[in-house]
PDB file of N, CA and C in Angstrom:
ATOM      1  N   MET A   1      94.572  49.034  97.499  1.00  0.00           N
ATOM      2  CA  MET A   1      93.706  50.532  98.154  1.00  0.00           C
ATOM      3  C   MET A   1      92.494  50.362  97.691  1.00  0.00           C
ATOM      4  N   LEU A   2      91.462  50.637  98.822  1.00  0.00           N
ATOM      5  CA  LEU A   2      90.227  50.534  98.780  1.00  0.00           C
ATOM      6  C   LEU A   2      89.823  51.713  98.211  1.00  0.00           C
ATOM      7  N   ASP A   3      88.359  51.945  97.230  1.00  0.00           N
ATOM      8  CA  ASP A   3      88.276  53.500  96.753  1.00  0.00           C
ATOM      9  C   ASP A   3      87.333  53.819  97.570  1.00  0.00           C
ATOM     10  N   THR A   4      87.257  55.192  98.015  1.00  0.00           N
ATOM     11  CA  THR A   4      86.704  55.509  98.945  1.00  0.00           C
ATOM     12  C   THR A   4      85.100  55.384  98.812  1.00  0.00           C
ATOM     13  N   PRO A   5      84.230  54.666  99.825  1.00  0.00           N
ATOM     14  CA  PRO A   5      82.632  54.265  99.600  1.00  0.00           C
ATOM     15  C   PRO A   5      82.167  55.816  99.971  1.00  0.00           C
ATOM     16  N   VAL A   6      81.116  55.944  98.994  1.00  0.00           N
ATOM     17  CA  VAL A   6      80.001  57.096  98.609  1.00  0.00           C
ATOM     18  C   VAL A   6      78.488  56.894  99.974  1.00  0.00           C
ATOM     19  N   LEU A   7      78.185  57.312 100.479  1.00  0.00           N
ATOM     20  CA  LEU A   7      76.965  57.817 100.881  1.00  0.00           C
ATOM     21  C   LEU A   7      76.230  57.961 100.267  1.00  0.00           C
ATOM     22  N   PRO A   8      75.080  57.187 100.154  1.00  0.00           N
ATOM     23  CA  PRO A   8      73.847  57.926  98.988  1.00  0.00           C
ATOM     24  C   PRO A   8      73.157  59.246  99.820  1.00  0.00           C
ATOM     25  N   ALA A   9      72.301  59.372  98.515  1.00  0.00           N
ATOM     26  CA  ALA A   9      71.512  61.116  99.254  1.00  0.00           C
ATOM     27  C   ALA A   9      70.489  60.314 100.160  1.00  0.00           C
ATOM     28  N   GLU A  10      69.992  59.159 100.206  1.00  0.00           N
ATOM     29  CA  GLU A  10      69.027  59.018 101.450  1.00  0.00           C
ATOM     30  C   GLU A  10      69.547  58.236 101.958  1.00  0.00           C
ATOM     31  N   LEU A  11      69.804  58.021 103.401  1.00  0.00           N
ATOM     32  CA  LEU A  11      69.871  57.462 104.450  1.00  0.00           C
ATOM     33  C   LEU A  11      68.940  56.995 105.651  1.00  0.00           C
ATOM     34  N   THR A  12      68.015  56.282 105.229  1.00  0.00           N
ATOM     35  CA  THR A  12      66.863  56.353 106.068  1.00  0.00           C
ATOM     36  C   THR A  12      66.437  54.908 106.751  1.00  0.00           C
ATOM     37  N   ILE A  13      65.279  54.280 106.949  1.00  0.00           N
ATOM     38  CA  ILE A  13      65.307  53.408 107.545  1.00  0.00           C
ATOM     39  C   ILE A  13      64.413  52.751 106.264  1.00  0.00           C
ATOM     40  N   TYR A  14      64.350  53.929 105.157  1.00  0.00           N
ATOM     41  CA  TYR A  14      63.813  52.583 103.754  1.00  0.00           C
ATOM     42  C   TYR A  14      65.169  52.010 103.251  1.00  0.00           C
ATOM     43  N   THR A  15      66.328  52.863 103.330  1.00  0.00           N
ATOM     44  CA  THR A  15      67.373  52.371 102.459  1.00  0.00           C
ATOM     45  C   THR A  15      68.466  51.600 103.258  1.00  0.00           C
ATOM     46  N   VAL A  16      68.232  51.482 104.658  1.00  0.00           N
ATOM     47  CA  VAL A  16      69.505  51.184 105.273  1.00  0.00           C
ATOM     48  C   VAL A  16      69.085  49.580 105.402  1.00  0.00           C
ATOM     49  N   SER A  17      68.206  48.921 105.340  1.00  0.00           N
ATOM     50  CA  SER A  17      68.086  47.506 105.243  1.00  0.00           C
ATOM     51  C   SER A  17      68.966  46.997 103.828  1.00  0.00           C
ATOM     52  N   GLU A  18      68.731  48.046 103.008  1.00  0.00           N
ATOM     53  CA  GLU A  18      69.451  47.545 101.488  1.00  0.00           C
ATOM     54  C   GLU A  18      70.873  47.482 101.685  1.00  0.00           C
ATOM     55  N   LEU A  19      71.185  48.754 102.504  1.00  0.00           N
ATOM     56  CA  LEU A  19      72.881  49.540 102.210  1.00  0.00           C
ATOM     57  C   LEU A  19      73.385  48.213 103.561  1.00  0.00           C
ATOM     58  N   HIS A  20      72.588  47.680 104.587  1.00  0.00           N
ATOM     59  CA  HIS A  20      73.750  46.803 105.756  1.00  0.00           C
ATOM     60  C   HIS A  20      74.748  46.093 105.198  1.00  0.00           C
ATOM     61  N   PRO A  21      73.823  45.107 103.946  1.00  0.00           N
ATOM     62  CA  PRO A  21      74.771  43.937 103.647  1.00  0.00           C
ATOM     63  C   PRO A  21      76.340  44.213 102.605  1.00  0.00           C
ATOM     64  N   GLN A  22      76.089  45.756 101.911  1.00  0.00           N
ATOM     65  CA  GLN A  22      76.972  46.491 101.321  1.00  0.00           C
ATOM     66  C   GLN A  22      77.904  46.778 102.046  1.00  0.00           C
ATOM     67  N   TRP A  23      77.372  47.519 103.359  1.00  0.00           N
ATOM     68  CA  TRP A  23      78.547  48.318 104.055  1.00  0.00           C
ATOM     69  C   TRP A  23      79.288  47.023 104.806  1.00  0.00           C
ATOM     70  N   SER A  24      78.529  45.806 105.153  1.00  0.00           N
ATOM     71  CA  SER A  24      79.474  44.771 105.769  1.00  0.00           C
ATOM     72  C   SER A  24      80.168  44.271 105.014  1.00  0.00           C
ATOM     73  N   THR A  25      80.105  44.149 103.747  1.00  0.00           N
ATOM     74  CA  THR A  25      81.009  43.388 102.803  1.00  0.00           C
ATOM     75  C   THR A  25      82.355  44.313 102.701  1.00  0.00           C
ATOM     76  N   TRP A  26      81.941  45.622 102.730  1.00  0.00           N
ATOM     77  CA  TRP A  26      83.296  46.949 102.867  1.00  0.00           C
ATOM     78  C   TRP A  26      84.172  46.792 104.333  1.00  0.00           C
ATOM     79  N   LEU A  27      82.953  46.346 105.304  1.00  0.00           N
ATOM     80  CA  LEU A  27      83.680  46.315 106.240  1.00  0.00           C
ATOM     81  C   LEU A  27      84.874  45.342 106.615  1.00  0.00           C
ATOM     82  N   ALA A  28      84.204  44.010 105.801  1.00  0.00           N
ATOM     83  CA  ALA A  28      85.216  42.866 105.823  1.00  0.00           C
ATOM     84  C   ALA A  28      86.531  43.109 105.362  1.00  0.00           C
ATOM     85  N   ASP A  29      86.611  44.032 104.421  1.00  0.00           N
ATOM     86  CA  ASP A  29      87.482  44.538 103.361  1.00  0.00           C
ATOM     87  C   ASP A  29      88.703  45.338 104.448  1.00  0.00           C
ATOM     88  N   VAL A  30      87.820  46.492 104.613  1.00  0.00           N
ATOM     89  CA  VAL A  30      88.891  47.282 105.512  1.00  0.00           C
ATOM     90  C   VAL A  30      89.127  46.394 106.960  1.00  0.00           C
ATOM     91  N   GLY A  31      89.327  45.819 106.878  1.00  0.00           N
ATOM     92  CA  GLY A  31      89.064  45.450 108.318  1.00  0.00           C
ATOM     93  C   GLY A  31      90.443  43.801 108.015  1.00  0.00           C
ATOM     94  N   SER A  32      90.587  43.647 106.455  1.00  0.00           N
ATOM     95  CA  SER A  32      91.674  43.290 106.279  1.00  0.00           C
ATOM     96  C   SER A  32      93.072  43.462 106.209  1.00  0.00           C
ATOM     97  N   THR A  33      92.804  45.043 105.904  1.00  0.00           N
ATOM     98  CA  THR A  33      93.829  45.779 105.554  1.00  0.00           C
ATOM     99  C   THR A  33      94.728  46.259 107.232  1.00  0.00           C
ATOM    100  N   ASP A  34      96.419  46.276 107.355  1.00  0.00           N
ATOM    101  CA  ASP A  34      96.899  46.459 108.096  1.00  0.00           C
ATOM    102  C   ASP A  34      97.087  48.271 108.486  1.00  0.00           C
ATOM    103  N   ASP A  35      95.917  48.644 108.283  1.00  0.00           N
ATOM    104  CA  ASP A  35      96.166  50.091 107.837  1.00  0.00           C
ATOM    105  C   ASP A  35      95.489  51.031 109.249  1.00  0.00           C
ATOM    106  N   ASP A  36      96.233  51.651 109.906  1.00  0.00           N
ATOM    107  CA  ASP A  36      95.418  51.972 111.211  1.00  0.00           C
ATOM    108  C   ASP A  36      95.124  53.573 111.073  1.00  0.00           C
ATOM    109  N   THR A  37      95.104  54.032 109.454  1.00  0.00           N
ATOM    110  CA  THR A  37      94.753  55.836 109.167  1.00  0.00           C
ATOM    111  C   THR A  37      93.144  55.675 108.993  1.00  0.00           C
ATOM    112  N   PRO A  38      92.634  56.548 109.527  1.00  0.00           N
ATOM    113  CA  PRO A  38      91.175  56.711 109.997  1.00  0.00           C
ATOM    114  C   PRO A  38      90.187  56.308 108.625  1.00  0.00           C
ATOM    115  N   VAL A  39      89.324  56.172 107.782  1.00  0.00           N
ATOM    116  CA  VAL A  39      88.380  55.234 107.279  1.00  0.00           C
ATOM    117  C   VAL A  39      87.612  56.592 107.137  1.00  0.00           C
ATOM    118  N   SER A  40      87.910  56.971 105.457  1.00  0.00           N
ATOM    119  CA  SER A  40      86.862  58.227 105.117  1.00  0.00           C
ATOM    120  C   SER A  40      85.966  57.871 104.473  1.00  0.00           C
ATOM    121  N   ILE A  41      84.692  58.369 104.421  1.00  0.00           N
ATOM    122  CA  ILE A  41      83.402  58.238 103.675  1.00  0.00           C
ATOM    123  C   ILE A  41      83.091  59.458 103.118  1.00  0.00           C
ATOM    124  N   ASP A  42      82.913  59.582 101.809  1.00  0.00           N
ATOM    125  CA  ASP A  42      82.410  60.823 101.005  1.00  0.00           C
ATOM    126  C   ASP A  42      80.775  60.908 101.602  1.00  0.00           C
ATOM    127  N   ALA A  43      80.500  61.791 102.329  1.00  0.00           N
ATOM    128  CA  ALA A  43      79.034  62.109 102.754  1.00  0.00           C
ATOM    129  C   ALA A  43      78.314  63.238 102.061  1.00  0.00           C
ATOM    130  N   ALA A  44      78.933  63.988 101.067  1.00  0.00           N
ATOM    131  CA  ALA A  44      78.068  65.005 100.434  1.00  0.00           C
ATOM    132  C   ALA A  44      76.883  64.796  99.739  1.00  0.00           C
ATOM    133  N   ALA A  45      76.696  63.703  99.652  1.00  0.00           N
ATOM    134  CA  ALA A  45      75.224  63.412  98.846  1.00  0.00           C
ATOM    135  C   ALA A  45      73.953  63.635  99.609  1.00  0.00           C
ATOM    136  N   VAL A  46      74.614  63.042 101.308  1.00  0.00           N
ATOM    137  CA  VAL A  46      73.452  62.811 102.018  1.00  0.00           C
ATOM    138  C   VAL A  46      72.076  64.215 102.160  1.00  0.00           C
ATOM    139  N   ASP A  47      70.709  63.438 101.337  1.00  0.00           N
ATOM    140  CA  ASP A  47      70.396  64.673 101.581  1.00  0.00           C
ATOM    141  C   ASP A  47      68.966  64.401 102.488  1.00  0.00           C
ATOM    142  N   GLN A  48      69.067  63.189 103.011  1.00  0.00           N
ATOM    143  CA  GLN A  48      67.684  62.746 103.949  1.00  0.00           C
ATOM    144  C   GLN A  48      68.520  61.768 104.813  1.00  0.00           C
ATOM    145  N   ILE A  49      68.044  61.578 106.323  1.00  0.00           N
ATOM    146  CA  ILE A  49      68.921  61.163 107.050  1.00  0.00           C
ATOM    147  C   ILE A  49      67.884  60.706 108.014  1.00  0.00           C
ATOM    148  N   ASP A  50      67.540  59.589 108.972  1.00  0.00           N
ATOM    149  CA  ASP A  50      66.909  60.102 110.174  1.00  0.00           C
ATOM    150  C   ASP A  50      67.417  58.671 111.266  1.00  0.00           C
ATOM    151  N   GLY A  51      66.874  58.306 112.107  1.00  0.00           N
ATOM    152  CA  GLY A  51      67.924  57.549 112.988  1.00  0.00           C
ATOM    153  C   GLY A  51      68.427  56.223 112.858  1.00  0.00           C
ATOM    154  N   ALA A  52      67.716  55.842 111.428  1.00  0.00           N
ATOM    155  CA  ALA A  52      68.121  54.625 111.277  1.00  0.00           C
ATOM    156  C   ALA A  52      69.398  54.727 110.683  1.00  0.00           C
ATOM    157  N   GLY A  53      69.769  56.053 109.814  1.00  0.00           N
ATOM    158  CA  GLY A  53      70.803  56.407 108.932  1.00  0.00           C
ATOM    159  C   GLY A  53      71.775  56.713 109.721  1.00  0.00           C
ATOM    160  N   LEU A  54      71.726  57.379 110.777  1.00  0.00           N
ATOM    161  CA  LEU A  54      72.633  57.361 111.915  1.00  0.00           C
ATOM    162  C   LEU A  54      72.893  56.451 112.529  1.00  0.00           C
ATOM    163  N   GLN A  55      72.054  55.640 113.259  1.00  0.00           N
ATOM    164  CA  GLN A  55      72.481  54.372 113.645  1.00  0.00           C
ATOM    165  C   GLN A  55      73.468  53.357 112.947  1.00  0.00           C
ATOM    166  N   LEU A  56      73.071  53.400 111.446  1.00  0.00           N
ATOM    167  CA  LEU A  56      74.182  53.033 110.749  1.00  0.00           C
ATOM    168  C   LEU A  56      75.624  53.401 111.007  1.00  0.00           C
ATOM    169  N   LEU A  57      75.449  54.827 110.669  1.00  0.00           N
ATOM    170  CA  LEU A  57      76.719  55.082 110.524  1.00  0.00           C
ATOM    171  C   LEU A  57      77.800  55.109 111.962  1.00  0.00           C
ATOM    172  N   VAL A  58      77.123  54.913 113.343  1.00  0.00           N
ATOM    173  CA  VAL A  58      77.637  54.623 114.549  1.00  0.00           C
ATOM    174  C   VAL A  58      77.659  53.090 114.820  1.00  0.00           C
ATOM    175  N   SER A  59      76.874  52.241 114.002  1.00  0.00           N
ATOM    176  CA  SER A  59      77.443  51.117 113.788  1.00  0.00           C
ATOM    177  C   SER A  59      78.921  50.865 113.103  1.00  0.00           C
ATOM    178  N   LEU A  60      78.734  51.640 111.814  1.00  0.00           N
ATOM    179  CA  LEU A  60      80.339  51.304 111.383  1.00  0.00           C
ATOM    180  C   LEU A  60      81.577  51.819 112.032  1.00  0.00           C
ATOM    181  N   SER A  61      80.999  52.773 112.883  1.00  0.00           N
ATOM    182  CA  SER A  61      82.325  53.548 113.626  1.00  0.00           C
ATOM    183  C   SER A  61      82.527  52.515 114.348  1.00  0.00           C
ATOM    184  N   ASN A  62      81.770  51.811 115.216  1.00  0.00           N
ATOM    185  CA  ASN A  62      81.873  51.061 116.544  1.00  0.00           C
ATOM    186  C   ASN A  62      82.802  49.668 115.462  1.00  0.00           C
ATOM    187  N   SER A  63      82.038  49.050 114.752  1.00  0.00           N
ATOM    188  CA  SER A  63      82.562  47.791 113.999  1.00  0.00           C
ATOM    189  C   SER A  63      84.142  48.229 113.564  1.00  0.00           C
ATOM    190  N   LEU A  64      84.567  49.939 113.255  1.00  0.00           N
ATOM    191  CA  LEU A  64      85.896  49.994 112.609  1.00  0.00           C
ATOM    192  C   LEU A  64      86.716  50.436 114.227  1.00  0.00           C
ATOM    193  N   ALA A  65      86.309  50.886 115.223  1.00  0.00           N
ATOM    194  CA  ALA A  65      86.977  51.189 116.323  1.00  0.00           C
ATOM    195  C   ALA A  65      87.341  49.815 116.931  1.00  0.00           C
ATOM    196  N   ALA A  66      86.719  48.631 116.735  1.00  0.00           N
ATOM    197  CA  ALA A  66      86.894  47.413 117.123  1.00  0.00           C
ATOM    198  C   ALA A  66      88.259  46.712 116.158  1.00  0.00           C
ATOM    199  N   ARG A  67      88.188  47.369 115.260  1.00  0.00           N
ATOM    200  CA  ARG A  67      89.700  46.863 114.283  1.00  0.00           C
ATOM    201  C   ARG A  67      90.597  48.088 114.645  1.00  0.00           C
ATOM    202  N   GLN A  68      90.600  49.113 115.097  1.00  0.00           N
ATOM    203  CA  GLN A  68      91.802  49.951 115.917  1.00  0.00           C
ATOM    204  C   GLN A  68      91.852  50.949 114.796  1.00  0.00           C
ATOM    205  N   ARG A  69      90.867  50.961 113.922  1.00  0.00           N
ATOM    206  CA  ARG A  69      90.183  52.267 112.961  1.00  0.00           C
ATOM    207  C   ARG A  69      89.188  53.227 113.314  1.00  0.00           C
ATOM    208  N   THR A  70      88.978  54.145 112.914  1.00  0.00           N
ATOM    209  CA  THR A  70      88.223  55.367 112.695  1.00  0.00           C
ATOM    210  C   THR A  70      87.385  56.029 111.816  1.00  0.00           C
ATOM    211  N   LEU A  71      86.234  56.272 111.899  1.00  0.00           N
ATOM    212  CA  LEU A  71      85.339  56.886 111.179  1.00  0.00           C
ATOM    213  C   LEU A  71      85.382  58.152 110.677  1.00  0.00           C
ATOM    214  N   GLN A  72      85.403  58.662 109.740  1.00  0.00           N
ATOM    215  CA  GLN A  72      85.582  60.069 109.081  1.00  0.00           C
ATOM    216  C   GLN A  72      84.620  60.621 107.879  1.00  0.00           C
ATOM    217  N   LEU A  73      83.627  61.100 107.892  1.00  0.00           N
ATOM    218  CA  LEU A  73      82.517  61.237 106.621  1.00  0.00           C
ATOM    219  C   LEU A  73      83.277  62.941 106.735  1.00  0.00           C
ATOM    220  N   VAL A  74      83.543  62.717 105.770  1.00  0.00           N
ATOM    221  CA  VAL A  74      84.495  63.768 104.436  1.00  0.00           C
ATOM    222  C   VAL A  74      83.150  64.049 103.708  1.00  0.00           C
ATOM    223  N   GLY A  75      83.338  65.699 103.957  1.00  0.00           N
ATOM    224  CA  GLY A  75      82.356  66.546 103.030  1.00  0.00           C
ATOM    225  C   GLY A  75      81.173  66.787 103.217  1.00  0.00           C
ATOM    226  N   ALA A  76      80.934  66.223 104.451  1.00  0.00           N
ATOM    227  CA  ALA A  76      79.259  66.115 104.674  1.00  0.00           C
ATOM    228  C   ALA A  76      78.556  67.266 104.282  1.00  0.00           C
ATOM    229  N   SER A  77      77.308  66.928 104.074  1.00  0.00           N
ATOM    230  CA  SER A  77      76.396  67.686 103.469  1.00  0.00           C
ATOM    231  C   SER A  77      75.925  68.371 104.856  1.00  0.00           C
ATOM    232  N   GLN A  78      74.967  69.463 104.533  1.00  0.00           N
ATOM    233  CA  GLN A  78      74.994  70.487 105.959  1.00  0.00           C
ATOM    234  C   GLN A  78      73.684  69.830 106.470  1.00  0.00           C
ATOM    235  N   LEU A  79      72.877  69.045 105.886  1.00  0.00           N
ATOM    236  CA  LEU A  79      71.758  67.878 106.534  1.00  0.00           C
ATOM    237  C   LEU A  79      72.663  67.094 107.488  1.00  0.00           C
ATOM    238  N   LEU A  80      73.512  66.326 107.044  1.00  0.00           N
ATOM    239  CA  LEU A  80      73.997  65.720 107.635  1.00  0.00           C
ATOM    240  C   LEU A  80      75.101  66.131 108.720  1.00  0.00           C
ATOM    241  N   ILE A  81      75.666  67.678 108.901  1.00  0.00           N
ATOM    242  CA  ILE A  81      76.175  68.155 109.789  1.00  0.00           C
ATOM    243  C   ILE A  81      75.567  68.484 110.587  1.00  0.00           C
ATOM    244  N   ASN A  82      74.611  68.563 110.572  1.00  0.00           N
ATOM    245  CA  ASN A  82      73.157  69.080 111.777  1.00  0.00           C
ATOM    246  C   ASN A  82      72.991  68.179 112.376  1.00  0.00           C
ATOM    247  N   ALA A  83      72.520  66.726 111.760  1.00  0.00           N
ATOM    248  CA  ALA A  83      72.209  66.054 112.536  1.00  0.00           C
ATOM    249  C   ALA A  83      72.928  65.256 113.664  1.00  0.00           C
ATOM    250  N   CYS A  84      73.947  65.366 113.032  1.00  0.00           N
ATOM    251  CA  CYS A  84      75.807  64.629 113.990  1.00  0.00           C
ATOM    252  C   CYS A  84      75.872  65.676 115.186  1.00  0.00           C
ATOM    253  N   HIS A  85      75.647  67.020 114.777  1.00  0.00           N
ATOM    254  CA  HIS A  85      75.578  67.572 115.750  1.00  0.00           C
ATOM    255  C   HIS A  85      74.796  67.727 116.609  1.00  0.00           C
ATOM    256  N   THR A  86      73.262  67.408 116.410  1.00  0.00           N
ATOM    257  CA  THR A  86      72.300  67.347 117.727  1.00  0.00           C
ATOM    258  C   THR A  86      72.473  66.321 118.266  1.00  0.00           C
ATOM    259  N   LEU A  87      72.749  65.071 117.828  1.00  0.00           N
ATOM    260  CA  LEU A  87      72.980  63.761 118.290  1.00  0.00           C
ATOM    261  C   LEU A  87      74.088  63.692 119.244  1.00  0.00           C
ATOM    262  N   GLY A  88      75.152  64.758 119.190  1.00  0.00           N
ATOM    263  CA  GLY A  88      76.538  64.837 119.702  1.00  0.00           C
ATOM    264  C   GLY A  88      77.522  63.622 118.918  1.00  0.00           C
ATOM    265  N   LEU A  89      77.038  63.094 117.726  1.00  0.00           N
ATOM    266  CA  LEU A  89      78.390  62.519 116.884  1.00  0.00           C
ATOM    267  C   LEU A  89      79.004  63.492 116.029  1.00  0.00           C
ATOM    268  N   GLU A  90      80.093  64.680 116.482  1.00  0.00           N
ATOM    269  CA  GLU A  90      80.461  65.435 115.774  1.00  0.00           C
ATOM    270  C   GLU A  90      81.683  64.458 115.590  1.00  0.00           C
ATOM    271  N   ALA A  91      82.232  63.704 116.447  1.00  0.00           N
ATOM    272  CA  ALA A  91      83.549  62.756 116.234  1.00  0.00           C
ATOM    273  C   ALA A  91      83.465  62.208 114.867  1.00  0.00           C
ATOM    274  N   LEU A  92      82.232  61.668 114.202  1.00  0.00           N
ATOM    275  CA  LEU A  92      82.387  61.734 113.034  1.00  0.00           C
ATOM    276  C   LEU A  92      82.643  62.051 111.629  1.00  0.00           C
ATOM    277  N   LEU A  93      82.503  63.702 111.705  1.00  0.00           N
ATOM    278  CA  LEU A  93      82.927  64.927 110.894  1.00  0.00           C
ATOM    279  C   LEU A  93      84.433  64.585 110.735  1.00  0.00           C
ATOM    280  N   SER A  94      84.648  64.724 109.603  1.00  0.00           N
ATOM    281  CA  SER A  94      85.961  64.986 109.136  1.00  0.00           C
ATOM    282  C   SER A  94      86.644  66.388 109.380  1.00  0.00           C
ATOM    283  N   ASN A  95      87.752  66.312 110.183  1.00  0.00           N
ATOM    284  CA  ASN A  95      88.216  67.436 111.496  1.00  0.00           C
ATOM    285  C   ASN A  95      88.870  68.101 109.915  1.00  0.00           C
ATOM    286  N   THR A  96      89.118  67.749 109.202  1.00  0.00           N
ATOM    287  CA  THR A  96      89.985  68.715 107.771  1.00  0.00           C
ATOM    288  C   THR A  96      88.772  69.518 107.263  1.00  0.00           C
ATOM    289  N   ALA A  97      87.598  69.325 107.176  1.00  0.00           N
ATOM    290  CA  ALA A  97      86.554  70.267 106.514  1.00  0.00           C
ATOM    291  C   ALA A  97      86.176  70.760 107.575  1.00  0.00           C
ATOM    292  N   PRO A  98      85.921  71.754 108.611  1.00  0.00           N
ATOM    293  CA  PRO A  98      84.954  72.024 109.808  1.00  0.00           C
ATOM    294  C   PRO A  98      83.827  72.827 109.105  1.00  0.00           C
ATOM    295  N   ALA A  99      82.775  72.445 109.407  1.00  0.00           N
ATOM    296  CA  ALA A  99      81.531  73.673 108.938  1.00  0.00           C
ATOM    297  C   ALA A  99      80.577  74.355 110.144  1.00  0.00           C
ATOM    298  N   GLU A 100      80.146  74.902 110.136  1.00  0.00           N
ATOM    299  CA  GLU A 100      79.158  75.135 111.160  1.00  0.00           C
ATOM    300  C   GLU A 100      77.809  74.568 110.968  1.00  0.00           C
ATOM    301  N   VAL A 101      77.236  74.788 112.308  1.00  0.00           N
ATOM    302  CA  VAL A 101      75.851  73.986 112.622  1.00  0.00           C
ATOM    303  C   VAL A 101      74.991  75.239 111.933  1.00  0.00           C
ATOM    304  N   THR A 102      73.930  74.869 111.361  1.00  0.00           N
ATOM    305  CA  THR A 102      72.767  76.283 110.625  1.00  0.00           C
ATOM    306  C   THR A 102      71.184  75.367 111.193  1.00  0.00           C
ATOM    307  N   GLU A 103      70.535  76.732 111.370  1.00  0.00           N
ATOM    308  CA  GLU A 103      69.226  76.325 111.407  1.00  0.00           C
ATOM    309  C   GLU A 103      68.122  75.525 110.608  1.00  0.00           C
TER     310      GLU A 103
END
């Protein structure tokens, strides 16, 4: 069984290019399993995110969907929750820990 991956504190244009190869390797490992349960990623540490960071998450979600899997961000920071709600990406947030959007 694979360990739950953890998003870094900074998920911005400055870090996405470094993270992309790591996540691609992780995706290959996830894709090699016959499991159809949602793939959870610990998102509690995210305290900076921009469009590039959200784009990486959407790309991960789409890649998993192609493998009949879904992505769920677990324990998402309030900043990430707000960003997902702003852009209509609520489906990425785990249903097990609903949170309200704050201003």
